Protein backbone atom coordinates (compact mmCIF):
# COMPACT_ATOMS: atom_id res chain seq x y z
CA MET A 1 127.74 70.99 202.93
CA LEU A 2 129.63 74.14 201.92
CA GLN A 3 127.73 74.26 198.65
CA ASN A 4 124.39 74.10 200.49
CA LEU A 5 125.57 76.83 202.86
CA GLY A 6 126.50 78.92 199.84
CA PHE A 7 123.01 78.58 198.35
CA PHE A 8 121.48 79.49 201.72
CA ILE A 9 123.63 82.63 202.02
CA LEU A 10 122.89 83.53 198.38
CA LEU A 11 119.14 83.15 198.99
CA LEU A 12 119.15 85.34 202.10
CA GLY A 13 121.62 87.82 200.67
CA VAL A 14 119.55 88.49 197.57
CA LEU A 15 116.28 88.83 199.48
CA VAL A 16 117.75 91.13 202.15
CA THR A 17 119.44 93.25 199.47
CA VAL A 18 116.16 93.61 197.57
CA HIS A 19 114.28 94.67 200.70
CA GLU A 20 116.85 97.15 201.94
CA LEU A 21 117.44 98.48 198.42
CA GLY A 22 113.80 99.54 198.36
CA HIS A 23 114.20 101.58 201.54
CA PHE A 24 117.55 102.96 200.34
CA LEU A 25 116.50 104.11 196.87
CA VAL A 26 113.25 105.76 197.97
CA ALA A 27 114.98 107.42 200.95
CA LYS A 28 117.58 108.89 198.58
CA ALA A 29 114.83 109.99 196.20
CA CYS A 30 113.03 111.74 199.08
CA GLY A 31 116.18 113.62 200.09
CA VAL A 32 116.81 111.70 203.33
CA LYS A 33 120.46 111.27 204.34
CA VAL A 34 121.42 107.59 204.40
CA LEU A 35 124.36 106.85 206.69
CA LYS A 36 124.76 103.10 206.23
CA PHE A 37 123.52 100.34 203.93
CA SER A 38 124.25 96.93 205.49
CA ILE A 39 123.65 93.39 204.27
CA GLY A 40 123.76 91.27 207.42
CA PHE A 41 124.23 92.09 211.09
CA GLY A 42 127.21 92.09 213.38
CA PRO A 43 130.89 92.82 212.62
CA LYS A 44 131.71 94.19 209.19
CA ILE A 45 133.38 91.75 206.78
CA ILE A 46 133.92 94.12 203.85
CA GLY A 47 132.74 97.62 203.10
CA PHE A 48 133.44 100.98 201.54
CA THR A 49 132.17 104.54 201.72
CA LYS A 50 130.84 106.42 198.75
CA GLY A 51 129.56 109.93 199.18
CA GLU A 52 127.76 110.22 202.50
CA THR A 53 126.83 106.53 202.76
CA GLU A 54 128.83 103.57 204.08
CA TYR A 55 128.12 100.25 202.34
CA GLN A 56 128.99 97.00 204.11
CA VAL A 57 128.50 93.25 204.26
CA ALA A 58 128.29 92.01 207.87
CA LEU A 59 128.99 88.60 209.41
CA LEU A 60 125.45 87.32 210.10
CA PRO A 61 123.40 87.00 206.87
CA LEU A 62 120.05 86.83 208.67
CA GLY A 63 118.89 90.31 207.76
CA GLY A 64 120.14 93.81 207.02
CA PHE A 65 119.35 97.44 207.61
CA VAL A 66 119.46 100.96 206.21
CA LYS A 67 120.57 103.52 208.79
CA MET A 68 119.07 106.93 208.03
CA ALA A 69 119.91 110.15 209.76
CA GLY A 70 117.34 111.23 212.32
CA ASP A 71 115.41 107.96 212.41
CA LEU A 72 115.33 107.90 216.25
CA PRO A 73 113.06 110.24 218.25
CA HIS A 74 115.84 111.69 220.46
CA GLU A 75 118.57 111.77 217.82
CA GLU A 76 120.09 115.24 217.34
CA LEU A 77 121.34 116.38 213.97
CA PRO A 78 123.40 119.42 212.97
CA PRO A 79 121.14 122.35 212.00
CA GLU A 80 122.20 122.15 208.36
CA GLU A 81 121.13 118.45 208.16
CA ALA A 82 118.04 118.57 210.37
CA ALA A 83 115.74 118.86 207.35
CA ARG A 84 117.23 115.68 205.88
CA GLY A 85 116.39 113.48 208.88
CA PHE A 86 113.90 110.67 208.45
CA LEU A 87 111.52 111.82 211.18
CA ALA A 88 111.66 115.37 209.85
CA GLN A 89 109.99 114.27 206.62
CA PRO A 90 106.25 114.68 206.07
CA PRO A 91 104.18 111.55 206.77
CA TRP A 92 103.66 110.72 203.10
CA LYS A 93 107.41 110.62 202.44
CA ARG A 94 108.05 108.46 205.51
CA GLY A 95 105.24 106.18 204.41
CA LEU A 96 106.78 105.79 200.95
CA ILE A 97 110.22 105.00 202.39
CA VAL A 98 108.79 102.39 204.76
CA LEU A 99 106.52 100.87 202.10
CA ALA A 100 109.37 100.58 199.59
CA GLY A 101 111.03 97.60 201.35
CA PRO A 102 108.00 95.27 201.33
CA ALA A 103 106.98 96.61 197.90
CA PHE A 104 110.36 95.61 196.43
CA ASN A 105 109.94 92.15 198.00
CA LEU A 106 106.56 91.83 196.27
CA LEU A 107 107.74 93.22 192.91
CA PHE A 108 111.01 91.28 192.80
CA PRO A 109 109.23 87.89 192.30
CA ILE A 110 107.67 89.22 189.09
CA PHE A 111 111.20 89.79 187.81
CA VAL A 112 112.24 86.30 189.00
CA TYR A 113 109.24 84.51 187.50
CA PHE A 114 109.72 86.44 184.25
CA PHE A 115 113.06 84.70 183.73
CA VAL A 116 111.66 81.36 184.94
CA PHE A 117 108.86 81.49 182.36
CA LEU A 118 110.84 83.11 179.52
CA GLY A 119 111.87 80.86 176.65
CA PRO A 120 111.15 77.20 175.91
CA GLN A 121 109.67 75.17 178.76
CA GLU A 122 109.00 71.44 178.72
CA THR A 123 105.74 70.43 180.37
CA LEU A 124 103.30 67.51 180.33
CA SER A 125 101.24 67.12 177.19
CA THR A 126 97.54 66.25 177.08
CA ARG A 127 98.20 62.68 175.90
CA VAL A 128 96.24 60.37 178.18
CA GLY A 129 98.52 57.93 179.93
CA MET A 130 95.98 56.26 182.20
CA VAL A 131 92.18 56.18 182.52
CA SER A 132 90.43 55.28 185.76
CA PRO A 133 87.89 52.60 184.80
CA ASP A 134 85.01 53.92 186.93
CA MET A 135 85.33 57.60 186.12
CA ALA A 136 83.71 59.85 183.56
CA ALA A 137 86.48 59.53 180.95
CA ALA A 138 86.15 55.75 180.78
CA ALA A 139 82.35 56.02 180.53
CA ALA A 140 82.80 58.41 177.58
CA GLY A 141 85.14 55.96 175.82
CA ILE A 142 88.42 57.83 176.40
CA ARG A 143 91.33 55.40 176.61
CA PRO A 144 95.11 55.48 177.09
CA GLY A 145 96.90 56.99 174.10
CA ASP A 146 94.16 59.51 173.27
CA ARG A 147 95.17 63.18 173.11
CA ILE A 148 92.80 65.82 174.50
CA VAL A 149 92.91 68.98 172.35
CA ALA A 150 89.99 71.05 173.69
CA VAL A 151 87.60 71.27 176.65
CA GLU A 152 84.20 72.78 175.80
CA GLY A 153 85.78 74.46 172.79
CA GLU A 154 88.69 75.88 174.82
CA PRO A 155 92.01 74.69 173.30
CA VAL A 156 94.42 73.05 175.74
CA ARG A 157 98.10 72.37 175.06
CA THR A 158 99.34 71.14 178.41
CA PHE A 159 97.94 68.88 181.08
CA ASP A 160 97.85 71.79 183.54
CA ASP A 161 95.80 73.75 181.00
CA MET A 162 93.36 70.85 180.87
CA ARG A 163 93.09 70.60 184.70
CA ASP A 164 92.51 74.34 184.97
CA ALA A 165 89.83 74.12 182.28
CA PHE A 166 87.78 71.88 184.61
CA VAL A 167 87.71 74.35 187.51
CA GLY A 168 84.02 75.04 188.04
CA ARG A 169 83.01 72.51 185.35
CA PHE A 170 81.43 69.50 186.97
CA GLU A 171 78.18 67.57 187.33
CA ARG A 172 77.06 68.51 183.81
CA PRO A 173 77.97 67.25 180.31
CA VAL A 174 81.18 68.86 179.00
CA PRO A 175 82.23 68.32 175.35
CA ILE A 176 85.84 67.19 175.01
CA THR A 177 87.66 67.09 171.69
CA LEU A 178 90.23 64.30 171.49
CA GLU A 179 92.56 62.91 168.87
CA ARG A 180 92.90 59.15 168.25
CA ASP A 181 94.76 57.49 165.39
CA GLY A 182 95.16 60.87 163.68
CA GLN A 183 91.44 61.70 163.73
CA GLU A 184 89.53 64.10 165.97
CA ARG A 185 86.30 63.17 167.71
CA VAL A 186 84.10 64.90 170.29
CA VAL A 187 82.85 63.02 173.33
CA GLN A 188 80.53 64.18 176.11
CA VAL A 189 82.00 63.79 179.59
CA THR A 190 80.23 64.51 182.88
CA PRO A 191 82.99 65.33 185.41
CA GLU A 192 82.49 64.61 189.09
CA ARG A 193 82.95 67.36 191.66
CA SER A 194 86.29 67.16 193.47
CA SER A 195 87.26 69.44 196.36
CA GLU A 196 90.99 70.04 196.76
CA VAL A 197 91.35 71.21 200.34
CA SER A 198 94.55 72.76 201.69
CA PRO A 199 95.37 74.99 204.66
CA VAL A 200 95.19 77.89 202.19
CA ASP A 201 91.95 77.40 200.29
CA THR A 202 89.54 74.97 198.68
CA VAL A 203 89.36 74.52 194.91
CA GLU A 204 86.40 72.75 193.31
CA ARG A 205 87.12 71.25 189.92
CA GLY A 206 85.72 68.55 187.70
CA MET A 207 87.43 65.17 187.80
CA ILE A 208 87.21 62.90 184.75
CA GLY A 209 89.75 60.28 185.79
CA VAL A 210 92.73 60.67 183.45
CA SER A 211 96.44 60.97 184.14
CA PRO A 212 99.29 62.02 181.82
CA TYR A 213 101.56 59.32 183.21
CA PRO A 214 101.52 56.06 181.23
CA GLN A 215 101.08 53.00 183.38
CA PRO A 216 102.73 49.62 182.86
CA PRO A 217 100.01 47.06 182.01
CA VAL A 218 99.61 45.42 185.43
CA VAL A 219 96.44 43.38 185.89
CA GLY A 220 94.12 42.41 188.68
CA VAL A 221 92.76 38.88 188.52
CA LEU A 222 89.51 37.62 190.03
CA ALA A 223 89.22 34.05 191.25
CA ASP A 224 87.69 31.64 188.72
CA SER A 225 88.08 34.14 185.86
CA ALA A 226 89.47 33.23 182.45
CA ALA A 227 92.69 34.99 183.38
CA ALA A 228 93.00 33.04 186.65
CA ASN A 229 92.27 29.74 184.92
CA ALA A 230 95.02 30.51 182.38
CA GLY A 231 97.55 31.17 185.15
CA LEU A 232 97.53 34.96 185.41
CA LYS A 233 97.78 36.44 188.91
CA SER A 234 97.04 39.81 190.41
CA PHE A 235 99.92 42.30 190.00
CA ASP A 236 101.30 40.45 186.93
CA ARG A 237 102.87 42.90 184.47
CA VAL A 238 102.28 42.13 180.79
CA LEU A 239 105.58 42.34 178.90
CA SER A 240 104.48 41.25 175.42
CA VAL A 241 101.42 40.16 173.43
CA ASN A 242 101.99 37.65 170.62
CA GLY A 243 105.68 38.55 170.60
CA VAL A 244 105.15 42.34 170.43
CA HIS A 245 106.64 44.35 173.31
CA VAL A 246 103.99 46.14 175.38
CA GLN A 247 105.40 49.24 177.06
CA ASP A 248 102.27 50.72 178.59
CA GLU A 249 98.50 50.37 178.78
CA ALA A 250 98.07 52.21 175.48
CA ALA A 251 100.23 49.57 173.79
CA LEU A 252 98.20 46.79 175.45
CA TYR A 253 94.96 48.29 174.10
CA ARG A 254 96.54 48.59 170.67
CA GLU A 255 97.92 45.03 170.47
CA VAL A 256 94.91 43.13 171.82
CA GLY A 257 92.73 45.27 169.55
CA LYS A 258 94.45 43.62 166.58
CA VAL A 259 93.38 40.12 167.68
CA PRO A 260 89.82 38.85 167.01
CA GLU A 261 87.80 37.58 169.96
CA GLY A 262 88.43 33.88 170.62
CA SER A 263 91.84 33.87 168.87
CA PRO A 264 94.87 32.78 170.96
CA LEU A 265 96.95 35.29 172.89
CA ALA A 266 100.51 34.41 173.88
CA LEU A 267 101.61 36.57 176.83
CA LYS A 268 104.85 37.05 178.64
CA VAL A 269 104.34 38.50 182.11
CA ALA A 270 106.69 39.60 184.89
CA ARG A 271 105.74 38.34 188.34
CA LEU A 272 107.19 38.89 191.81
CA ALA A 273 107.54 35.34 193.12
CA PRO A 274 107.98 34.77 196.88
CA MET A 275 111.30 33.28 197.97
CA THR A 276 113.09 32.54 201.23
CA VAL A 277 116.83 32.37 201.88
CA GLY A 278 117.53 31.24 205.42
CA VAL A 279 115.59 33.51 207.73
CA VAL A 280 115.20 36.22 205.08
CA SER A 281 112.08 36.23 202.89
CA GLY A 282 111.25 38.44 199.96
CA ARG A 283 110.14 38.48 196.33
CA MET A 284 112.14 37.95 193.16
CA PRO A 285 110.98 38.86 189.64
CA GLU A 286 110.43 36.06 187.17
CA VAL A 287 109.09 35.89 183.62
CA VAL A 288 106.14 33.55 182.99
CA ASP A 289 104.48 32.47 179.72
CA VAL A 290 100.67 32.49 179.70
CA SER A 291 98.33 31.53 176.84
CA LEU A 292 94.59 32.07 176.64
CA PRO A 293 91.87 32.90 174.07
CA ARG A 294 91.19 36.59 173.57
CA GLN A 295 88.18 37.61 175.64
CA ALA A 296 85.53 40.22 174.91
CA GLY A 297 86.36 43.83 175.71
CA GLU A 298 89.42 46.10 175.48
CA GLY A 299 92.71 46.29 177.33
CA PRO A 300 92.86 44.09 180.46
CA ALA A 301 89.31 42.83 179.83
CA ALA A 302 90.56 41.18 176.62
CA LEU A 303 92.79 39.03 178.87
CA GLY A 304 89.91 38.08 181.16
CA ALA A 305 91.43 40.38 183.81
CA GLU A 306 90.67 43.86 185.10
CA SER A 307 92.41 47.01 186.25
CA VAL A 308 94.72 46.52 189.23
CA ASP A 309 93.48 49.82 190.63
CA LEU A 310 91.27 48.46 193.41
CA TYR A 311 93.64 45.77 194.60
CA VAL A 312 95.20 46.82 197.89
CA ALA A 313 98.98 47.00 197.65
CA SER A 314 99.71 48.24 201.18
CA VAL A 315 97.90 49.04 204.42
CA ALA A 316 99.15 51.86 206.67
CA SER A 317 100.21 50.79 210.13
CA GLY A 318 97.84 52.04 212.82
CA SER A 319 95.18 53.00 210.29
CA VAL A 320 91.45 52.27 210.28
CA ALA A 321 92.01 49.86 207.37
CA GLU A 322 94.53 47.82 209.37
CA GLY A 323 92.16 47.68 212.31
CA ALA A 324 89.37 46.42 210.06
CA GLY A 325 91.57 43.57 208.83
CA LEU A 326 92.31 44.63 205.25
CA GLN A 327 95.48 43.07 203.85
CA PRO A 328 97.63 43.52 200.73
CA GLY A 329 96.05 41.69 197.79
CA ASP A 330 92.48 42.32 198.91
CA ARG A 331 90.12 43.86 196.37
CA ILE A 332 87.86 46.77 197.28
CA VAL A 333 84.37 45.94 196.01
CA ALA A 334 81.91 48.63 197.07
CA ILE A 335 81.39 51.65 199.32
CA ASN A 336 77.97 52.36 200.80
CA GLY A 337 76.59 49.63 198.58
CA THR A 338 77.83 51.22 195.35
CA PRO A 339 80.21 49.00 193.32
CA LEU A 340 83.65 50.46 192.63
CA LYS A 341 86.02 50.07 189.71
CA SER A 342 88.80 52.54 190.54
CA PHE A 343 90.77 53.79 193.50
CA ASN A 344 90.19 57.39 192.35
CA LYS A 345 86.47 56.85 192.81
CA LEU A 346 87.04 55.48 196.30
CA MET A 347 89.15 58.50 197.26
CA THR A 348 86.59 60.93 195.80
CA VAL A 349 83.88 59.43 197.98
CA LEU A 350 86.12 59.36 201.07
CA ASN A 351 87.17 63.01 200.53
CA GLY A 352 83.52 63.99 200.47
CA LEU A 353 82.65 61.95 203.57
CA GLN A 354 85.55 63.22 205.69
CA ALA A 355 84.88 61.75 209.19
CA GLN A 356 81.37 60.47 208.41
CA PRO A 357 80.89 56.69 208.70
CA PHE A 358 80.62 54.52 205.59
CA THR A 359 80.05 50.88 204.70
CA LEU A 360 82.92 49.19 202.87
CA THR A 361 82.84 45.83 201.09
CA TRP A 362 86.05 44.06 200.11
CA ARG A 363 87.11 40.59 198.99
CA GLY A 364 90.10 38.82 200.51
CA ALA A 365 91.50 35.36 201.10
CA GLN A 366 88.63 34.59 203.49
CA GLY A 367 85.93 35.73 201.08
CA GLU A 368 83.86 38.88 200.96
CA ARG A 369 83.40 41.12 204.02
CA THR A 370 81.36 44.23 204.76
CA GLU A 371 82.10 46.56 207.68
CA LYS A 372 80.93 49.98 208.84
CA LEU A 373 84.00 52.23 209.18
CA ALA A 374 85.03 55.89 209.39
CA GLN A 375 88.22 57.71 208.51
CA ALA A 376 90.39 58.82 211.42
CA PRO A 377 93.45 61.06 211.86
CA LEU A 378 96.76 59.30 211.21
CA LYS A 379 100.00 61.01 212.20
CA THR A 380 102.44 61.37 209.30
CA ARG A 381 105.79 63.09 208.77
CA ASP A 382 106.96 64.63 205.48
CA ASP A 383 110.45 64.93 203.97
CA TYR A 384 111.11 68.13 205.93
CA GLY A 385 110.13 66.59 209.26
CA GLN A 386 106.78 68.37 209.51
CA THR A 387 104.09 66.29 211.16
CA SER A 388 100.39 66.32 210.39
CA ALA A 389 97.39 64.13 211.15
CA PRO A 390 95.02 64.14 208.16
CA LEU A 391 91.85 62.07 208.04
CA VAL A 392 92.74 58.87 206.18
CA PHE A 393 91.42 55.38 205.64
CA GLY A 394 94.84 53.81 205.22
CA VAL A 395 95.00 51.74 202.01
CA ARG A 396 97.14 52.36 198.97
CA PRO A 397 96.83 50.98 195.45
CA TRP A 398 99.60 49.35 193.47
CA SER A 399 102.26 51.91 192.57
CA PHE A 400 105.40 51.87 190.50
CA SER A 401 108.95 53.06 191.00
CA SER A 402 110.20 55.73 188.60
CA ALA A 403 112.29 53.05 186.86
CA ASP A 404 109.13 51.03 186.08
CA LEU A 405 107.17 53.91 184.54
CA PRO A 406 107.20 54.37 180.76
CA PRO A 407 108.35 57.79 179.54
CA VAL A 408 105.71 60.50 179.72
CA GLU A 409 105.07 62.64 176.67
CA LYS A 410 106.02 66.29 177.02
CA VAL A 411 105.38 69.34 174.90
CA THR A 412 107.58 72.43 174.56
CA ILE A 413 105.92 75.76 175.28
CA ASP A 414 107.97 78.77 174.14
CA LEU A 415 106.96 81.96 175.92
CA GLY A 416 108.13 85.30 174.57
CA PRO A 417 108.83 88.36 176.78
CA VAL A 418 105.23 89.64 176.76
CA ALA A 419 103.69 86.23 177.57
CA ALA A 420 106.35 85.51 180.23
CA PHE A 421 105.72 88.87 181.92
CA LYS A 422 101.97 88.26 181.83
CA GLU A 423 102.35 84.85 183.49
CA ALA A 424 104.70 86.31 186.12
CA ALA A 425 102.33 89.21 186.84
CA LEU A 426 99.41 86.79 187.26
CA ILE A 427 101.09 84.24 189.52
CA VAL A 428 102.47 86.69 192.12
CA PRO A 429 99.07 88.06 193.25
CA LYS A 430 97.84 84.46 193.60
CA ILE A 431 100.73 83.60 195.92
CA VAL A 432 100.21 86.82 197.88
CA GLY A 433 96.59 85.83 198.43
CA GLN A 434 97.64 82.38 199.60
CA MET A 435 100.15 83.90 202.04
CA VAL A 436 97.47 86.16 203.50
CA GLN A 437 95.14 83.17 203.92
CA VAL A 438 97.88 81.19 205.66
CA LEU A 439 98.50 84.06 208.10
CA GLY A 440 94.77 84.29 208.76
CA GLY A 441 94.69 80.52 209.30
CA LEU A 442 97.47 80.82 211.90
CA VAL A 443 95.49 83.49 213.78
CA ILE A 444 92.22 81.51 213.89
CA GLY A 445 93.91 78.15 214.44
CA LYS A 446 93.10 76.67 211.02
CA VAL A 447 96.84 76.33 210.24
CA SER A 448 99.06 74.65 212.82
CA PRO A 449 101.93 76.70 214.35
CA SER A 450 104.14 73.67 213.69
CA THR A 451 104.24 74.74 210.02
CA ILE A 452 106.28 77.84 210.96
CA GLY A 453 109.91 77.41 210.00
CA GLY A 454 113.12 79.26 210.79
CA PRO A 455 116.65 79.48 209.38
CA ILE A 456 117.27 75.71 209.58
CA MET A 457 114.19 74.95 207.51
CA MET A 458 115.13 77.71 205.07
CA TYR A 459 118.60 76.17 204.77
CA GLN A 460 117.06 72.77 204.01
CA LEU A 461 114.68 74.24 201.44
CA ALA A 462 117.50 76.16 199.75
CA ALA A 463 119.66 73.04 199.53
CA LYS A 464 116.84 70.84 198.23
CA SER A 465 115.63 73.34 195.65
CA ALA A 466 119.19 73.91 194.39
CA GLU A 467 119.54 70.17 193.84
CA GLN A 468 116.34 70.20 191.75
CA GLY A 469 117.66 72.90 189.42
CA MET A 470 117.84 76.65 188.97
CA ASP A 471 114.11 77.06 188.23
CA SER A 472 113.24 75.38 191.54
CA PHE A 473 115.73 77.57 193.44
CA LEU A 474 114.39 80.74 191.80
CA ASN A 475 110.82 79.66 192.59
CA LEU A 476 111.75 79.24 196.26
CA MET A 477 113.45 82.65 196.23
CA ALA A 478 110.31 84.25 194.80
CA ILE A 479 108.02 82.59 197.34
CA ILE A 480 110.18 83.58 200.32
CA SER A 481 110.44 87.13 198.95
CA ILE A 482 106.64 87.33 198.82
CA ASN A 483 106.51 85.92 202.34
CA LEU A 484 108.89 88.63 203.58
CA GLY A 485 106.90 91.32 201.82
CA VAL A 486 103.58 90.22 203.30
CA MET A 487 105.03 89.67 206.80
CA ASN A 488 106.68 93.08 206.86
CA LEU A 489 103.37 94.77 206.05
CA LEU A 490 101.78 93.42 209.22
CA PRO A 491 101.09 96.27 211.71
CA ILE A 492 103.39 94.77 214.34
CA PRO A 493 105.79 97.15 216.11
CA VAL A 494 109.40 97.02 214.80
CA LEU A 495 108.08 95.80 211.41
CA ASP A 496 107.56 98.09 208.43
CA GLY A 497 103.81 97.70 208.70
CA PHE A 498 103.72 99.48 212.07
CA HIS A 499 105.88 102.35 210.77
CA LEU A 500 103.53 102.64 207.80
CA LEU A 501 100.57 102.72 210.19
CA SER A 502 102.32 105.41 212.26
CA ALA A 503 102.86 107.57 209.19
CA ALA A 504 99.21 107.13 208.18
CA TRP A 505 98.07 107.97 211.73
CA GLU A 506 100.12 111.18 211.73
CA GLY A 507 98.89 112.13 208.28
CA ILE A 508 95.24 111.74 209.34
CA ARG A 509 95.41 112.97 212.96
CA ARG A 510 97.97 115.72 212.26
CA ARG A 511 100.07 114.59 215.21
CA PRO A 512 102.42 111.66 215.73
CA ILE A 513 101.78 108.68 217.97
CA PRO A 514 103.07 109.65 221.44
CA VAL A 515 106.71 108.68 222.00
CA ARG A 516 105.90 106.65 225.11
CA VAL A 517 103.26 104.66 223.21
CA ARG A 518 105.77 103.99 220.43
CA GLU A 519 108.41 102.85 222.91
CA VAL A 520 106.03 100.44 224.65
CA ALA A 521 104.71 99.17 221.33
CA ASN A 522 108.27 98.56 220.10
CA MET A 523 109.07 96.54 223.22
CA VAL A 524 105.91 94.47 222.80
CA GLY A 525 106.63 93.96 219.11
CA LEU A 526 110.21 92.93 219.81
CA ALA A 527 108.99 90.43 222.41
CA LEU A 528 106.50 88.99 219.92
CA LEU A 529 109.20 88.60 217.27
CA ILE A 530 111.53 86.90 219.76
CA LEU A 531 108.75 84.46 220.70
CA LEU A 532 108.05 83.84 217.00
CA MET A 533 111.75 83.14 216.35
CA LEU A 534 111.90 80.80 219.36
CA LEU A 535 108.87 78.93 218.00
CA ALA A 536 110.44 78.71 214.53
CA VAL A 537 113.78 77.48 215.86
CA THR A 538 112.02 74.99 218.17
CA ASN A 539 110.08 73.64 215.19
CA ASP A 540 113.32 73.41 213.19
CA VAL A 541 115.10 71.49 215.94
CA THR A 542 112.08 69.22 216.47
CA ARG A 543 112.07 68.39 212.76
């Protein structure tokens, strides 16, 4: 508890210091007399005076201020200091002093991200861990264990590089260079268009259906198939093939590939068997031996089975899927008459349809059914207590706990000072743009006011990010600093943006905004900020 509070105070203290330091340094540079530099509000905890300025740390770490001589309209200064008052400065100097606070908040994240990016960083490699069976990668012959080295001639070292390479590349053949068994080959892949929609923006990228995360070889089994006749069941996890341990799908492909078609396969599989103790029922893992001739095909097909991807593992309570009668263990067959082989394909179609109706075919214990359905909002709550109601269908595929997943391959990227600074300088403008879009979304109603958070949410974020490591904490600090910089530039009275607007007005019109107008505007601005804080605190308490 005290540690979390310490991280929260550190986060606020650094950000407030950065903001006020901007005002302070530029005011000094412009010859303005600075009376007090305070981190926090309320009673002074510690402080000292150096030269003409008092420096202090106050009790409440929810802000800070720089008190400059002559920064109030009716404030009187001694004749010898009148020229050093804030309001006595020309508009361009006042504008620079006001702008410096938000500017420091926007420049500080570049410094933060520089140290986050500098040096060796472990990130996901381009080794394919899983391939969706009905996506473009599978059609092109890409399989688990392959390593993607280039997209349309553009070298890629990390999985994020590869994803970014597909932005804007879709619905046309794209050459991909991959490495398999130490040899390079080029395959033509036609990515499908995928729209990633968020409250901030929409990104269209090509989707080929690969993941860097290796999957345990869990199979789906159709009734009356060779796998079913041999005793395999849906959701069985293959542990070994002919005595050789099989860690992931890549290993399954490799081991069954060594066995000629028709030759015997001796499998050990892990299965969750139902059990009941008194009034409590559940499932216990057991290991089962299964033997069958090797079938035609690769991977699960060589066992007479298929990918588990389209077998429903869970159905969300209150969802459209539950209302239609789908149950765990059912297999999704087709959507709008088009056969499916992967859950990714299903979600791609549903994302494109949004609330439009569709025809779904699935196979369950009672046989095959076809119904006309449509996605509907389903209220959900995230880890921070924020609620939302996205359009969903309500089924989930089989998933694994972190303990079940094989280790993912990572690659070390070592960025020098120049490359780290370049990355930092590129990412900050992107986040600024996202912040501006979020603010615009709040104004037009595209972003819900329930997303606004206050000090309690900031405390929770600081604590959670600190638990995840220093890089996560620094990333949060940078994002909140950008948020403060953008917010303070808004032309709302009592914020820096309004003072900047006032200085610009005076510079253009050659006369200041009337004092009475400023006083009324400040009261309105203060009322707006109080309402905003009440909304933020209410959201925090509700969460």
